[in-house]
Amino acid sequence: MAEYLKIFEVIISLLLIFVILIQNKSVSLNLTNMSGWMNQVKKRWPEKVLHIATIVLWVIFVLNAIALFVI
């Protein structure tokens, strides 16, 4: 069982690295314009899907790491 979890951990980590690397890096936090209210940044569906996929993969990675620690 532990061998399967180790293989699954490697696969999830590679997927997590891939999803993080393909995300858009041009969006940055602009701290120079602090007058009044700041414009809200709305994510379009590809960025939103990648963001949600990153969160889901991270949760699976952490749960799998905890399962490996317990076993």
Protein backbone atom coordinates (compact mmCIF):
# COMPACT_ATOMS: atom_id res chain seq x y z
CA MET A 1 0.00 0.00 0.00
CA ALA A 2 2.81 2.39 0.85
CA GLU A 3 4.42 1.81 -2.56
CA TYR A 4 1.22 2.89 -4.32
CA LEU A 5 1.03 6.01 -2.17
CA LYS A 6 4.65 6.88 -3.02
CA ILE A 7 3.98 6.50 -6.74
CA PHE A 8 0.79 8.55 -6.39
CA GLU A 9 2.75 11.23 -4.50
CA VAL A 10 5.26 11.54 -7.34
CA ILE A 11 2.52 11.75 -9.97
CA ILE A 12 0.60 14.40 -8.01
CA SER A 13 3.76 16.42 -7.40
CA LEU A 14 4.60 16.41 -11.12
CA LEU A 15 1.06 17.47 -12.01
CA LEU A 16 1.19 20.22 -9.38
CA ILE A 17 4.50 21.52 -10.77
CA PHE A 18 3.10 21.47 -14.31
CA VAL A 19 -0.10 23.33 -13.34
CA ILE A 20 1.86 25.97 -11.45
CA LEU A 21 4.30 26.51 -14.30
CA ILE A 22 1.63 27.02 -16.98
CA GLN A 23 -0.20 29.69 -15.01
CA ASN A 24 -0.05 33.28 -16.24
CA LYS A 25 2.81 35.16 -14.62
CA SER A 26 2.01 38.58 -16.08
CA VAL A 27 -0.59 39.36 -13.41
CA SER A 28 1.08 41.19 -10.55
CA LEU A 29 0.03 43.12 -7.50
CA ASN A 30 0.36 46.81 -8.23
CA LEU A 31 1.02 48.61 -4.96
CA THR A 32 1.86 51.97 -6.54
CA ASN A 33 -1.77 52.93 -7.19
CA MET A 34 -3.21 53.19 -3.69
CA SER A 35 -5.49 56.17 -4.27
CA GLY A 36 -9.13 55.44 -3.62
CA TRP A 37 -10.33 52.00 -4.54
CA MET A 38 -8.40 49.45 -6.52
CA ASN A 39 -9.83 47.73 -9.55
CA GLN A 40 -10.85 44.17 -8.96
CA VAL A 41 -8.99 41.59 -10.96
CA LYS A 42 -11.42 39.10 -12.48
CA LYS A 43 -10.09 35.76 -13.56
CA ARG A 44 -11.32 34.35 -16.83
CA TRP A 45 -12.25 30.71 -16.99
CA PRO A 46 -8.82 29.28 -17.99
CA GLU A 47 -7.09 31.08 -15.11
CA LYS A 48 -9.90 30.11 -12.77
CA VAL A 49 -9.67 26.44 -13.78
CA LEU A 50 -5.91 26.44 -13.27
CA HIS A 51 -6.29 28.16 -9.90
CA ILE A 52 -8.87 25.63 -8.72
CA ALA A 53 -6.77 22.75 -10.10
CA THR A 54 -3.77 24.03 -8.15
CA ILE A 55 -5.77 24.10 -4.92
CA VAL A 56 -7.25 20.64 -5.49
CA LEU A 57 -3.88 19.10 -6.36
CA TRP A 58 -2.29 20.74 -3.33
CA VAL A 59 -4.97 19.32 -1.01
CA ILE A 60 -4.55 15.85 -2.52
CA PHE A 61 -0.76 16.16 -2.18
CA VAL A 62 -0.99 17.13 1.50
CA LEU A 63 -3.51 14.39 2.31
CA ASN A 64 -1.35 11.81 0.56
CA ALA A 65 1.74 13.04 2.45
CA ILE A 66 -0.16 12.68 5.74
CA ALA A 67 -1.27 9.17 4.74
CA LEU A 68 2.35 8.28 3.97
CA PHE A 69 3.43 9.64 7.35
CA VAL A 70 0.79 7.63 9.22
CA ILE A 71 1.53 4.35 7.43
